[in-house]
């Protein structure tokens, strides 16, 4: 009875085929985004906050593009949308490169799925499979070396010279308890006897992305008045 009632109403209020098409495309987009986030991004990053962000962002972008009649959107509007997310900054922390790359990736997939409603179901599935294959190859074959990286503030600047590189590596291995592969020397402060080192080490758990390894500086100590 309810279905007959809805079908008897104006097409502007209820359009069954259009509704099914929108729901079907949304399900395809959501499923592909979920596969990418759950099986490729999350196992390495373990960032639930970005998991949440990607799912909601991809869903909202798809619905916005689709309901704005994405097939007729001008190129300028699409480029403007990418520009908005290109300047997106999270005020609580800087977004790492890997997370920003996945952000653009899920936005691109949602824009394509939402702006091409006239494609056949097979074409939609094929285009999304291409995205899945690309991210699979990038995660599993393009980064094959099992190594980690840490930024270290080093206090023995006498060992940073090229001729004493072996001594530097030995000292770092003793302090860090890691097998050091190579060291890159960055900023040097001879007044404070400090140097910024990028230390690459053998990491048997390289399948896990450790965001803490990319920390460049120690957090500031809380102000004395903050504890009052």
N, C-alpha and C. Protein backbone atom coordinates (compact mmCIF):
# COMPACT_ATOMS: atom_id res chain seq x y z
N UNK A 1 0.83 -1.20 0.00
CA UNK A 1 0.00 0.00 0.00
C UNK A 1 0.87 1.27 0.00
N UNK A 2 1.90 1.23 0.84
CA UNK A 2 2.79 2.40 0.91
C UNK A 2 3.49 2.64 -0.41
N UNK A 3 3.95 1.53 -1.05
CA UNK A 3 4.63 1.66 -2.33
C UNK A 3 3.70 2.21 -3.40
N UNK A 4 2.45 1.74 -3.43
CA UNK A 4 1.48 2.24 -4.39
C UNK A 4 1.20 3.72 -4.15
N UNK A 5 1.13 4.10 -2.88
CA UNK A 5 0.90 5.50 -2.56
C UNK A 5 2.03 6.38 -3.05
N UNK A 6 3.27 5.91 -2.83
CA UNK A 6 4.42 6.70 -3.27
C UNK A 6 4.47 6.80 -4.78
N UNK A 7 4.15 5.69 -5.46
CA UNK A 7 4.19 5.71 -6.93
C UNK A 7 3.11 6.59 -7.51
N UNK A 8 2.03 6.80 -6.77
CA UNK A 8 0.94 7.64 -7.26
C UNK A 8 1.24 9.12 -7.10
N UNK A 9 2.27 9.45 -6.34
CA UNK A 9 2.61 10.85 -6.12
C UNK A 9 3.37 11.41 -7.31
N UNK A 10 3.64 12.70 -7.27
CA UNK A 10 4.37 13.36 -8.35
C UNK A 10 5.78 12.78 -8.47
N UNK A 11 6.30 12.65 -9.70
CA UNK A 11 7.66 12.15 -9.89
C UNK A 11 8.71 12.97 -9.14
N UNK A 12 8.43 14.26 -8.96
CA UNK A 12 9.41 15.10 -8.25
C UNK A 12 9.54 14.68 -6.80
N UNK A 13 8.50 14.05 -6.26
CA UNK A 13 8.56 13.60 -4.87
C UNK A 13 9.17 12.21 -4.74
N UNK A 14 8.83 11.32 -5.65
CA UNK A 14 9.36 9.96 -5.58
C UNK A 14 9.66 9.45 -6.98
N UNK A 15 10.92 9.15 -7.21
CA UNK A 15 11.37 8.58 -8.49
C UNK A 15 12.14 7.31 -8.17
N UNK A 16 11.45 6.16 -8.27
CA UNK A 16 12.03 4.89 -7.86
C UNK A 16 13.34 4.55 -8.55
N UNK A 17 13.39 4.57 -9.89
CA UNK A 17 14.65 4.24 -10.58
C UNK A 17 15.81 5.16 -10.20
N UNK A 18 15.53 6.47 -10.07
CA UNK A 18 16.60 7.41 -9.70
C UNK A 18 17.10 7.14 -8.29
N UNK A 19 16.15 6.81 -7.38
CA UNK A 19 16.55 6.51 -6.01
C UNK A 19 17.42 5.26 -5.94
N UNK A 20 17.00 4.21 -6.67
CA UNK A 20 17.79 2.97 -6.69
C UNK A 20 19.17 3.20 -7.28
N UNK A 21 19.24 4.05 -8.30
CA UNK A 21 20.54 4.34 -8.92
C UNK A 21 21.46 5.07 -7.95
N UNK A 22 20.90 6.06 -7.23
CA UNK A 22 21.70 6.80 -6.26
C UNK A 22 22.20 5.88 -5.15
N UNK A 23 21.30 5.06 -4.61
CA UNK A 23 21.68 4.15 -3.53
C UNK A 23 22.72 3.13 -4.02
N UNK A 24 22.54 2.61 -5.24
CA UNK A 24 23.50 1.65 -5.78
C UNK A 24 24.88 2.23 -5.95
N UNK A 25 24.96 3.45 -6.51
CA UNK A 25 26.26 4.10 -6.69
C UNK A 25 26.89 4.45 -5.34
N UNK A 26 26.05 4.87 -4.40
CA UNK A 26 26.58 5.17 -3.07
C UNK A 26 27.18 3.91 -2.43
N UNK A 27 26.49 2.78 -2.57
CA UNK A 27 26.99 1.53 -1.98
C UNK A 27 28.30 1.11 -2.62
N UNK A 28 28.42 1.27 -3.95
CA UNK A 28 29.67 0.94 -4.62
C UNK A 28 30.80 1.82 -4.10
N UNK A 29 30.53 3.13 -4.03
CA UNK A 29 31.55 4.07 -3.55
C UNK A 29 31.94 3.77 -2.10
N UNK A 30 30.94 3.55 -1.25
CA UNK A 30 31.22 3.29 0.16
C UNK A 30 32.01 2.00 0.34
N UNK A 31 31.65 0.97 -0.41
CA UNK A 31 32.34 -0.32 -0.28
C UNK A 31 33.80 -0.21 -0.70
N UNK A 32 34.04 0.50 -1.80
CA UNK A 32 35.43 0.65 -2.28
C UNK A 32 36.25 1.47 -1.28
N UNK A 33 35.67 2.57 -0.78
CA UNK A 33 36.38 3.39 0.20
C UNK A 33 36.67 2.58 1.45
N UNK A 34 35.70 1.79 1.91
CA UNK A 34 35.89 0.97 3.11
C UNK A 34 36.99 -0.05 2.90
N UNK A 35 37.03 -0.69 1.73
CA UNK A 35 38.10 -1.65 1.44
C UNK A 35 39.47 -0.99 1.51
N UNK A 36 39.60 0.18 0.91
CA UNK A 36 40.89 0.87 0.89
C UNK A 36 41.32 1.25 2.30
N UNK A 37 40.40 1.81 3.07
CA UNK A 37 40.75 2.28 4.41
C UNK A 37 41.01 1.12 5.36
N UNK A 38 40.12 0.11 5.33
CA UNK A 38 40.19 -0.97 6.32
C UNK A 38 41.32 -1.96 6.04
N UNK A 39 41.61 -2.22 4.77
CA UNK A 39 42.59 -3.26 4.45
C UNK A 39 43.94 -2.73 3.99
N UNK A 40 44.02 -1.46 3.59
CA UNK A 40 45.29 -0.92 3.12
C UNK A 40 45.83 0.18 4.04
N UNK A 41 44.99 1.13 4.42
CA UNK A 41 45.47 2.23 5.25
C UNK A 41 45.58 1.83 6.72
N UNK A 42 44.50 1.33 7.30
CA UNK A 42 44.44 1.15 8.75
C UNK A 42 45.43 0.11 9.30
N UNK A 43 45.67 -1.04 8.64
CA UNK A 43 46.60 -2.02 9.21
C UNK A 43 47.99 -1.46 9.47
N UNK A 44 48.42 -0.46 8.71
CA UNK A 44 49.74 0.12 8.91
C UNK A 44 49.71 1.34 9.83
N UNK A 45 48.70 2.18 9.68
CA UNK A 45 48.68 3.43 10.43
C UNK A 45 48.04 3.31 11.80
N UNK A 46 47.00 2.49 11.92
CA UNK A 46 46.27 2.34 13.19
C UNK A 46 45.77 3.68 13.71
N UNK A 47 45.30 4.54 12.82
CA UNK A 47 44.77 5.84 13.20
C UNK A 47 43.25 5.82 13.06
N UNK A 48 42.55 5.64 14.17
CA UNK A 48 41.09 5.60 14.14
C UNK A 48 40.49 6.96 13.78
N UNK A 49 41.20 8.04 14.12
CA UNK A 49 40.68 9.36 13.80
C UNK A 49 40.60 9.57 12.30
N UNK A 50 41.65 9.15 11.57
CA UNK A 50 41.63 9.29 10.12
C UNK A 50 40.69 8.28 9.47
N UNK A 51 40.55 7.10 10.06
CA UNK A 51 39.57 6.12 9.59
C UNK A 51 38.18 6.78 9.56
N UNK A 52 37.82 7.39 10.66
CA UNK A 52 36.54 8.10 10.80
C UNK A 52 36.43 9.22 9.76
N UNK A 53 37.50 10.00 9.62
CA UNK A 53 37.50 11.14 8.70
C UNK A 53 37.30 10.71 7.26
N UNK A 54 38.04 9.68 6.83
CA UNK A 54 37.96 9.25 5.44
C UNK A 54 36.57 8.73 5.08
N UNK A 55 35.98 7.94 5.97
CA UNK A 55 34.65 7.37 5.68
C UNK A 55 33.61 8.47 5.54
N UNK A 56 33.58 9.39 6.50
CA UNK A 56 32.57 10.46 6.45
C UNK A 56 32.84 11.43 5.32
N UNK A 57 34.11 11.75 5.09
CA UNK A 57 34.45 12.69 4.03
C UNK A 57 34.08 12.12 2.66
N UNK A 58 34.42 10.85 2.42
CA UNK A 58 34.10 10.23 1.14
C UNK A 58 32.60 10.17 0.91
N UNK A 59 31.84 9.83 1.95
CA UNK A 59 30.39 9.74 1.82
C UNK A 59 29.78 11.12 1.53
N UNK A 60 30.25 12.14 2.26
CA UNK A 60 29.69 13.47 2.06
C UNK A 60 30.06 14.04 0.69
N UNK A 61 31.30 13.80 0.23
CA UNK A 61 31.72 14.29 -1.08
C UNK A 61 30.88 13.63 -2.17
N UNK A 62 30.67 12.32 -2.07
CA UNK A 62 29.87 11.62 -3.09
C UNK A 62 28.46 12.20 -3.16
N UNK A 63 27.80 12.34 -2.01
CA UNK A 63 26.43 12.82 -2.00
C UNK A 63 26.35 14.26 -2.51
N UNK A 64 27.33 15.08 -2.15
CA UNK A 64 27.32 16.47 -2.60
C UNK A 64 27.47 16.55 -4.12
N UNK A 65 28.41 15.78 -4.67
CA UNK A 65 28.63 15.80 -6.11
C UNK A 65 27.43 15.24 -6.84
N UNK A 66 26.91 14.12 -6.35
CA UNK A 66 25.80 13.45 -7.04
C UNK A 66 24.54 14.32 -7.02
N UNK A 67 24.21 14.88 -5.87
CA UNK A 67 22.99 15.65 -5.76
C UNK A 67 23.10 17.02 -6.42
N UNK A 68 24.33 17.46 -6.69
CA UNK A 68 24.53 18.70 -7.45
C UNK A 68 24.56 18.43 -8.94
N UNK A 69 24.08 17.22 -9.33
CA UNK A 69 24.04 16.83 -10.74
C UNK A 69 25.45 16.83 -11.30
N UNK A 70 26.26 15.91 -10.76
CA UNK A 70 27.69 15.87 -11.08
C UNK A 70 28.00 15.75 -12.54
N UNK A 71 27.12 15.11 -13.34
CA UNK A 71 27.39 14.93 -14.76
C UNK A 71 27.45 16.26 -15.49
N UNK A 72 26.79 17.30 -14.96
CA UNK A 72 26.73 18.59 -15.62
C UNK A 72 27.60 19.63 -14.94
N UNK A 73 28.38 19.23 -13.95
CA UNK A 73 29.25 20.18 -13.27
C UNK A 73 30.34 20.68 -14.21
N UNK A 74 30.61 21.96 -14.15
CA UNK A 74 31.67 22.52 -14.95
C UNK A 74 33.02 22.13 -14.37
N UNK A 75 34.03 22.17 -15.23
CA UNK A 75 35.38 21.81 -14.79
C UNK A 75 35.85 22.75 -13.69
N UNK A 76 35.49 24.03 -13.79
CA UNK A 76 35.90 24.99 -12.78
C UNK A 76 35.37 24.66 -11.41
N UNK A 77 34.12 24.17 -11.35
CA UNK A 77 33.54 23.80 -10.06
C UNK A 77 34.28 22.62 -9.46
N UNK A 78 34.62 21.64 -10.29
CA UNK A 78 35.34 20.47 -9.79
C UNK A 78 36.73 20.85 -9.29
N UNK A 79 37.42 21.72 -10.06
CA UNK A 79 38.74 22.17 -9.63
C UNK A 79 38.65 22.99 -8.36
N UNK A 80 37.59 23.78 -8.22
CA UNK A 80 37.40 24.55 -7.00
C UNK A 80 37.22 23.67 -5.79
N UNK A 81 36.52 22.53 -5.97
CA UNK A 81 36.33 21.59 -4.87
C UNK A 81 37.67 21.01 -4.43
N UNK A 82 38.50 20.64 -5.40
CA UNK A 82 39.82 20.11 -5.04
C UNK A 82 40.67 21.19 -4.37
N UNK A 83 40.52 22.43 -4.79
CA UNK A 83 41.29 23.51 -4.16
C UNK A 83 40.91 23.68 -2.70
N UNK A 84 39.63 23.54 -2.39
CA UNK A 84 39.18 23.66 -1.00
C UNK A 84 39.87 22.63 -0.13
N UNK A 85 39.91 21.37 -0.60
CA UNK A 85 40.54 20.33 0.19
C UNK A 85 42.06 20.40 0.08
N UNK A 86 42.57 21.08 -0.95
CA UNK A 86 44.01 21.24 -1.05
C UNK A 86 44.57 22.16 0.03
N UNK A 87 43.75 23.11 0.51
CA UNK A 87 44.21 24.02 1.56
C UNK A 87 43.69 23.59 2.93
N UNK A 88 43.09 22.41 2.99
CA UNK A 88 42.55 21.93 4.26
C UNK A 88 43.69 21.69 5.25
N UNK A 89 43.54 22.24 6.43
CA UNK A 89 44.53 22.04 7.48
C UNK A 89 43.80 21.70 8.77
N UNK A 90 44.28 20.71 9.49
CA UNK A 90 43.73 20.39 10.80
C UNK A 90 44.50 21.19 11.84
N UNK A 91 43.80 21.98 12.63
CA UNK A 91 44.45 22.89 13.54
C UNK A 91 45.11 22.18 14.72
N UNK A 92 44.65 20.96 15.05
CA UNK A 92 45.21 20.28 16.21
C UNK A 92 46.59 19.71 15.92
N UNK A 93 46.86 19.29 14.72
CA UNK A 93 48.16 18.72 14.36
C UNK A 93 48.33 18.79 12.86
N UNK A 94 49.60 18.78 12.41
CA UNK A 94 49.86 18.76 10.98
C UNK A 94 49.58 17.36 10.45
N UNK A 95 49.02 17.30 9.25
CA UNK A 95 48.62 16.02 8.67
C UNK A 95 49.82 15.41 7.95
N UNK A 96 50.23 14.18 8.29
CA UNK A 96 51.36 13.55 7.61
C UNK A 96 51.08 13.34 6.13
N UNK A 97 52.16 13.16 5.36
CA UNK A 97 52.05 13.02 3.91
C UNK A 97 51.19 11.82 3.53
N UNK A 98 51.38 10.70 4.20
CA UNK A 98 50.62 9.50 3.85
C UNK A 98 49.13 9.72 4.07
N UNK A 99 48.77 10.37 5.18
CA UNK A 99 47.36 10.63 5.46
C UNK A 99 46.78 11.62 4.45
N UNK A 100 47.54 12.63 4.06
CA UNK A 100 47.06 13.58 3.06
C UNK A 100 46.88 12.90 1.71
N UNK A 101 47.77 11.97 1.37
CA UNK A 101 47.65 11.25 0.11
C UNK A 101 46.37 10.42 0.09
N UNK A 102 46.10 9.72 1.17
CA UNK A 102 44.86 8.95 1.24
C UNK A 102 43.64 9.88 1.22
N UNK A 103 43.78 11.06 1.81
CA UNK A 103 42.68 12.02 1.78
C UNK A 103 42.32 12.40 0.35
N UNK A 104 43.32 12.76 -0.46
CA UNK A 104 43.07 13.09 -1.85
C UNK A 104 42.56 11.88 -2.62
N UNK A 105 43.04 10.70 -2.27
CA UNK A 105 42.65 9.48 -2.96
C UNK A 105 41.15 9.20 -2.77
N UNK A 106 40.69 9.26 -1.53
CA UNK A 106 39.27 8.98 -1.28
C UNK A 106 38.39 10.09 -1.84
N UNK A 107 38.88 11.34 -1.83
CA UNK A 107 38.11 12.43 -2.44
C UNK A 107 37.99 12.22 -3.94
N UNK A 108 39.09 11.83 -4.59
CA UNK A 108 39.07 11.60 -6.04
C UNK A 108 38.10 10.49 -6.41
N UNK A 109 38.12 9.39 -5.66
CA UNK A 109 37.21 8.29 -5.95
C UNK A 109 35.75 8.74 -5.81
N UNK A 110 35.46 9.47 -4.75
CA UNK A 110 34.09 9.92 -4.51
C UNK A 110 33.64 10.90 -5.58
N UNK A 111 34.53 11.79 -6.00
CA UNK A 111 34.18 12.75 -7.05
C UNK A 111 33.88 12.03 -8.35
N UNK A 112 34.72 11.06 -8.70
CA UNK A 112 34.51 10.32 -9.95
C UNK A 112 33.22 9.52 -9.90
N UNK A 113 32.98 8.84 -8.80
CA UNK A 113 31.75 8.05 -8.69
C UNK A 113 30.50 8.93 -8.70
N UNK A 114 30.61 10.11 -8.09
CA UNK A 114 29.45 10.98 -8.01
C UNK A 114 29.20 11.79 -9.26
N UNK A 115 30.23 12.02 -10.07
CA UNK A 115 30.09 12.88 -11.24
C UNK A 115 29.91 12.11 -12.54
N UNK A 116 29.84 10.80 -12.48
CA UNK A 116 29.66 9.99 -13.70
C UNK A 116 28.48 9.03 -13.55
N UNK A 117 27.27 9.55 -13.29
CA UNK A 117 26.13 8.66 -13.09
C UNK A 117 25.66 7.98 -14.36
N UNK A 118 26.10 8.47 -15.53
CA UNK A 118 25.64 7.89 -16.78
C UNK A 118 26.43 6.67 -17.21
N UNK A 119 27.50 6.36 -16.51
CA UNK A 119 28.26 5.16 -16.85
C UNK A 119 27.47 3.91 -16.47
N UNK A 120 27.76 2.82 -17.16
CA UNK A 120 27.10 1.56 -16.84
C UNK A 120 27.66 0.99 -15.54
N UNK A 121 26.95 0.01 -14.98
CA UNK A 121 27.42 -0.62 -13.75
C UNK A 121 28.77 -1.26 -13.91
N UNK A 122 29.00 -1.90 -15.06
CA UNK A 122 30.30 -2.55 -15.32
C UNK A 122 31.42 -1.52 -15.37
N UNK A 123 31.15 -0.36 -15.98
CA UNK A 123 32.18 0.68 -16.07
C UNK A 123 32.49 1.24 -14.69
N UNK A 124 31.48 1.41 -13.86
CA UNK A 124 31.73 1.88 -12.50
C UNK A 124 32.57 0.87 -11.71
N UNK A 125 32.23 -0.40 -11.82
CA UNK A 125 32.98 -1.43 -11.11
C UNK A 125 34.42 -1.49 -11.62
N UNK A 126 34.60 -1.39 -12.93
CA UNK A 126 35.94 -1.46 -13.52
C UNK A 126 36.80 -0.28 -13.06
N UNK A 127 36.21 0.92 -13.06
CA UNK A 127 36.99 2.10 -12.65
C UNK A 127 37.40 2.01 -11.18
N UNK A 128 36.51 1.50 -10.35
CA UNK A 128 36.85 1.36 -8.93
C UNK A 128 37.86 0.24 -8.70
N UNK A 129 37.80 -0.81 -9.50
CA UNK A 129 38.80 -1.87 -9.40
C UNK A 129 40.19 -1.35 -9.74
N UNK A 130 40.26 -0.42 -10.68
CA UNK A 130 41.56 0.18 -11.03
C UNK A 130 42.14 0.92 -9.83
N UNK A 131 41.29 1.66 -9.11
CA UNK A 131 41.76 2.34 -7.90
C UNK A 131 42.26 1.33 -6.87
N UNK A 132 41.53 0.25 -6.68
CA UNK A 132 41.92 -0.77 -5.70
C UNK A 132 43.25 -1.41 -6.09
N UNK A 133 43.43 -1.69 -7.36
CA UNK A 133 44.69 -2.31 -7.82
C UNK A 133 45.86 -1.37 -7.61
N UNK A 134 45.65 -0.09 -7.89
CA UNK A 134 46.73 0.89 -7.74
C UNK A 134 47.18 0.99 -6.28
N UNK A 135 46.21 1.10 -5.36
CA UNK A 135 46.59 1.23 -3.95
C UNK A 135 47.19 -0.08 -3.42
N UNK A 136 46.74 -1.22 -3.94
CA UNK A 136 47.33 -2.50 -3.53
C UNK A 136 48.79 -2.60 -3.97
N UNK A 137 49.06 -2.23 -5.21
CA UNK A 137 50.44 -2.28 -5.71
C UNK A 137 51.33 -1.29 -4.96
N UNK A 138 50.79 -0.10 -4.68
CA UNK A 138 51.59 0.91 -3.98
C UNK A 138 51.95 0.46 -2.57
N UNK A 139 51.02 -0.18 -1.87
CA UNK A 139 51.25 -0.58 -0.48
C UNK A 139 52.12 -1.83 -0.36
N UNK A 140 52.02 -2.74 -1.31
CA UNK A 140 52.65 -4.05 -1.13
C UNK A 140 53.91 -4.27 -1.98
N UNK A 141 54.09 -3.50 -3.03
CA UNK A 141 55.23 -3.79 -3.91
C UNK A 141 56.14 -2.60 -4.15
N UNK A 142 55.60 -1.38 -4.08
CA UNK A 142 56.43 -0.21 -4.37
C UNK A 142 57.28 0.21 -3.18
N UNK A 143 56.94 -0.25 -1.97
CA UNK A 143 57.74 0.02 -0.77
C UNK A 143 58.13 -1.32 -0.18
N UNK A 144 59.12 -1.95 -0.78
CA UNK A 144 59.46 -3.32 -0.41
C UNK A 144 60.50 -3.41 0.70
N UNK A 145 61.31 -2.39 0.88
CA UNK A 145 62.40 -2.47 1.84
C UNK A 145 61.87 -2.32 3.26
N UNK A 146 62.30 -3.22 4.13
CA UNK A 146 61.84 -3.22 5.51
C UNK A 146 62.75 -2.33 6.36
N UNK A 147 62.49 -1.04 6.34
CA UNK A 147 63.30 -0.14 7.14
C UNK A 147 62.41 0.93 7.78
N UNK A 148 62.84 1.38 8.96
CA UNK A 148 62.15 2.44 9.65
C UNK A 148 63.01 3.68 9.67
N UNK A 149 62.45 4.76 10.18
CA UNK A 149 63.16 6.03 10.19
C UNK A 149 62.81 6.80 11.46
N UNK A 150 63.81 7.34 12.12
CA UNK A 150 63.61 8.17 13.31
C UNK A 150 64.38 9.47 13.17
N UNK A 151 63.82 10.53 13.73
CA UNK A 151 64.55 11.79 13.86
C UNK A 151 65.14 11.84 15.27
N UNK A 152 66.44 12.10 15.34
CA UNK A 152 67.14 12.06 16.62
C UNK A 152 67.90 13.37 16.83
N UNK A 153 67.70 13.97 18.00
CA UNK A 153 68.54 15.10 18.42
C UNK A 153 69.79 14.54 19.08
N UNK A 154 70.92 14.73 18.44
CA UNK A 154 72.17 14.07 18.84
C UNK A 154 73.10 15.08 19.51
N UNK A 155 73.73 14.63 20.62
CA UNK A 155 74.51 15.56 21.44
C UNK A 155 76.02 15.43 21.27
N UNK A 156 76.48 14.58 20.38
CA UNK A 156 77.93 14.41 20.19
C UNK A 156 78.28 14.82 18.76
N UNK A 157 78.39 16.13 18.54
CA UNK A 157 78.58 16.64 17.18
C UNK A 157 79.96 16.29 16.62
N UNK A 158 80.88 15.85 17.47
CA UNK A 158 82.21 15.49 16.97
C UNK A 158 82.15 14.27 16.06
N UNK A 159 81.10 13.46 16.18
CA UNK A 159 81.01 12.23 15.38
C UNK A 159 80.24 12.39 14.09
N UNK A 160 79.78 13.61 13.77
CA UNK A 160 78.94 13.76 12.58
C UNK A 160 79.77 13.97 11.32
N UNK A 161 81.07 14.08 11.42
CA UNK A 161 81.91 14.25 10.24
C UNK A 161 81.94 12.96 9.43
N UNK A 162 82.09 13.05 8.11
CA UNK A 162 82.07 11.85 7.25
C UNK A 162 83.10 10.80 7.63
N UNK A 163 84.30 11.22 8.05
CA UNK A 163 85.34 10.23 8.36
C UNK A 163 85.06 9.47 9.65
N UNK A 164 84.13 9.92 10.46
CA UNK A 164 83.79 9.23 11.71
C UNK A 164 82.38 8.64 11.66
N UNK A 165 81.91 8.38 10.47
CA UNK A 165 80.54 7.88 10.30
C UNK A 165 80.34 6.52 10.96
N UNK A 166 81.35 5.65 10.90
CA UNK A 166 81.22 4.34 11.52
C UNK A 166 81.08 4.46 13.04
N UNK A 167 81.83 5.38 13.63
CA UNK A 167 81.71 5.60 15.07
C UNK A 167 80.33 6.15 15.43
N UNK A 168 79.82 7.03 14.58
CA UNK A 168 78.48 7.59 14.80
C UNK A 168 77.42 6.49 14.77
N UNK A 169 77.51 5.62 13.79
CA UNK A 169 76.52 4.54 13.68
C UNK A 169 76.62 3.60 14.87
N UNK A 170 77.86 3.29 15.28
CA UNK A 170 78.04 2.40 16.44
C UNK A 170 77.45 3.03 17.70
N UNK A 171 77.65 4.32 17.88
CA UNK A 171 77.12 5.00 19.07
C UNK A 171 75.58 5.02 19.04
N UNK A 172 75.01 5.25 17.88
CA UNK A 172 73.55 5.26 17.76
C UNK A 172 72.96 3.87 18.00
N UNK A 173 73.62 2.84 17.49
CA UNK A 173 73.13 1.48 17.71
C UNK A 173 73.17 1.12 19.19
N UNK A 174 74.20 1.57 19.89
CA UNK A 174 74.32 1.29 21.32
C UNK A 174 73.22 2.00 22.11
N UNK A 175 72.94 3.25 21.75
CA UNK A 175 71.94 4.04 22.49
C UNK A 175 70.51 3.63 22.14
N UNK A 176 70.26 3.39 20.85
CA UNK A 176 68.90 3.11 20.41
C UNK A 176 68.54 1.63 20.50
N UNK A 177 69.56 0.77 20.50
CA UNK A 177 69.28 -0.66 20.49
C UNK A 177 68.72 -1.14 19.17
N UNK A 178 69.09 -0.48 18.08
CA UNK A 178 68.58 -0.81 16.74
C UNK A 178 69.75 -1.03 15.79
N UNK A 179 69.49 -1.78 14.71
CA UNK A 179 70.47 -1.98 13.67
C UNK A 179 70.37 -0.82 12.69
N UNK A 180 71.31 0.12 12.77
CA UNK A 180 71.26 1.33 11.95
C UNK A 180 71.78 1.03 10.55
N UNK A 181 71.01 1.43 9.55
CA UNK A 181 71.40 1.21 8.16
C UNK A 181 72.16 2.40 7.59
N UNK A 182 71.69 3.59 7.83
CA UNK A 182 72.39 4.80 7.37
C UNK A 182 71.89 5.99 8.17
N UNK A 183 72.66 7.07 8.10
CA UNK A 183 72.36 8.27 8.88
C UNK A 183 72.51 9.49 7.97
N UNK A 184 71.55 10.41 8.08
CA UNK A 184 71.63 11.69 7.38
C UNK A 184 71.70 12.80 8.43
N UNK A 185 72.64 13.72 8.24
CA UNK A 185 72.85 14.81 9.19
C UNK A 185 72.13 16.05 8.68
N UNK A 186 71.32 16.65 9.55
CA UNK A 186 70.59 17.87 9.19
C UNK A 186 71.17 19.09 9.88
N UNK A 187 70.32 19.84 10.56
CA UNK A 187 70.75 21.08 11.21
C UNK A 187 71.73 20.77 12.34
N UNK A 188 72.73 21.65 12.50
CA UNK A 188 73.75 21.49 13.53
C UNK A 188 73.84 22.78 14.34
N UNK A 189 73.84 22.65 15.67
CA UNK A 189 74.00 23.79 16.58
C UNK A 189 75.25 23.54 17.39
N UNK A 190 76.35 24.22 17.01
CA UNK A 190 77.63 24.01 17.70
C UNK A 190 77.64 24.68 19.07
N UNK A 191 76.79 25.66 19.27
CA UNK A 191 76.75 26.33 20.57
C UNK A 191 76.17 25.39 21.62
N UNK A 192 75.09 24.68 21.27
CA UNK A 192 74.46 23.75 22.20
C UNK A 192 74.95 22.32 22.03
N UNK A 193 75.88 22.09 21.09
CA UNK A 193 76.38 20.75 20.81
C UNK A 193 75.23 19.79 20.48
N UNK A 194 74.39 20.21 19.53
CA UNK A 194 73.26 19.39 19.11
C UNK A 194 73.22 19.31 17.59
N UNK A 195 72.80 18.17 17.09
CA UNK A 195 72.61 17.97 15.66
C UNK A 195 71.33 17.18 15.45
N UNK A 196 70.61 17.49 14.36
CA UNK A 196 69.41 16.75 14.01
C UNK A 196 69.78 15.67 13.01
N UNK A 197 69.53 14.42 13.38
CA UNK A 197 69.86 13.28 12.54
C UNK A 197 68.59 12.57 12.08
N UNK A 198 68.62 12.10 10.85
CA UNK A 198 67.58 11.19 10.36
C UNK A 198 68.22 9.80 10.31
N UNK A 199 67.76 8.92 11.18
CA UNK A 199 68.36 7.59 11.34
C UNK A 199 67.46 6.54 10.70
N UNK A 200 68.00 5.82 9.72
CA UNK A 200 67.29 4.72 9.09
C UNK A 200 67.78 3.41 9.72
N UNK A 201 66.84 2.57 10.11
CA UNK A 201 67.21 1.34 10.81
C UNK A 201 66.42 0.15 10.29
N UNK A 202 66.96 -1.02 10.52
CA UNK A 202 66.31 -2.26 10.12
C UNK A 202 65.09 -2.49 11.01
N UNK A 203 63.92 -2.56 10.38
CA UNK A 203 62.67 -2.64 11.14
C UNK A 203 61.90 -3.89 10.73
N UNK A 204 61.92 -4.94 11.55
CA UNK A 204 61.16 -6.15 11.21
C UNK A 204 59.66 -5.93 11.21
N UNK A 205 59.20 -4.85 11.84
CA UNK A 205 57.78 -4.55 11.90
C UNK A 205 57.47 -3.37 10.98
N UNK A 206 58.08 -3.37 9.79
CA UNK A 206 57.92 -2.24 8.87
C UNK A 206 56.52 -2.16 8.27
N UNK A 207 55.72 -3.21 8.41
CA UNK A 207 54.35 -3.16 7.90
C UNK A 207 53.49 -2.18 8.69
N UNK A 208 53.97 -1.75 9.82
CA UNK A 208 53.23 -0.80 10.65
C UNK A 208 53.88 0.57 10.53
N UNK A 209 53.10 1.58 10.14
CA UNK A 209 53.59 2.95 10.05
C UNK A 209 53.55 3.57 11.44
N UNK A 210 54.72 3.96 11.95
CA UNK A 210 54.80 4.54 13.29
C UNK A 210 54.92 6.05 13.16
N UNK A 211 53.82 6.74 13.36
CA UNK A 211 53.82 8.20 13.18
C UNK A 211 54.74 8.89 14.18
N UNK A 212 54.97 8.27 15.34
CA UNK A 212 55.83 8.88 16.34
C UNK A 212 57.27 8.99 15.85
N UNK A 213 57.67 8.09 14.94
CA UNK A 213 59.03 8.14 14.40
C UNK A 213 59.27 9.42 13.60
N UNK A 214 58.19 10.03 13.11
CA UNK A 214 58.35 11.23 12.28
C UNK A 214 58.26 12.52 13.09
N UNK A 215 58.28 12.41 14.41
CA UNK A 215 58.24 13.59 15.26
C UNK A 215 59.57 14.34 15.19
N UNK A 216 59.51 15.62 14.88
CA UNK A 216 60.72 16.40 14.68
C UNK A 216 61.24 17.06 15.95
N UNK A 217 60.37 17.28 16.92
CA UNK A 217 60.83 17.97 18.13
C UNK A 217 60.00 17.50 19.32
N UNK A 218 60.56 17.74 20.49
CA UNK A 218 59.85 17.37 21.71
C UNK A 218 58.74 18.38 21.97
N UNK A 219 57.64 17.91 22.56
CA UNK A 219 56.57 18.87 22.92
C UNK A 219 57.06 19.83 23.99
N UNK A 220 56.52 21.03 23.95
CA UNK A 220 56.92 22.04 24.92
C UNK A 220 56.45 21.65 26.31
N UNK A 221 57.27 21.96 27.29
CA UNK A 221 56.87 21.70 28.67
C UNK A 221 55.73 22.62 29.04
N UNK A 222 54.80 22.16 29.86
CA UNK A 222 53.67 23.02 30.26
C UNK A 222 54.15 24.21 31.05
N UNK A 223 53.46 25.31 30.85
CA UNK A 223 53.83 26.53 31.55
C UNK A 223 53.53 26.38 33.04
N UNK A 224 54.33 27.07 33.86
CA UNK A 224 54.18 26.95 35.30
C UNK A 224 52.79 27.38 35.77
N UNK A 225 52.21 28.38 35.07
CA UNK A 225 50.90 28.86 35.47
C UNK A 225 49.80 27.88 35.08
N UNK A 226 50.08 26.96 34.10
CA UNK A 226 49.07 26.01 33.67
C UNK A 226 48.75 24.99 34.75
N UNK A 227 49.72 24.73 35.63
CA UNK A 227 49.51 23.70 36.64
C UNK A 227 48.84 24.23 37.89
N UNK A 228 48.64 25.53 37.96
CA UNK A 228 48.02 26.12 39.14
C UNK A 228 46.51 25.92 39.10
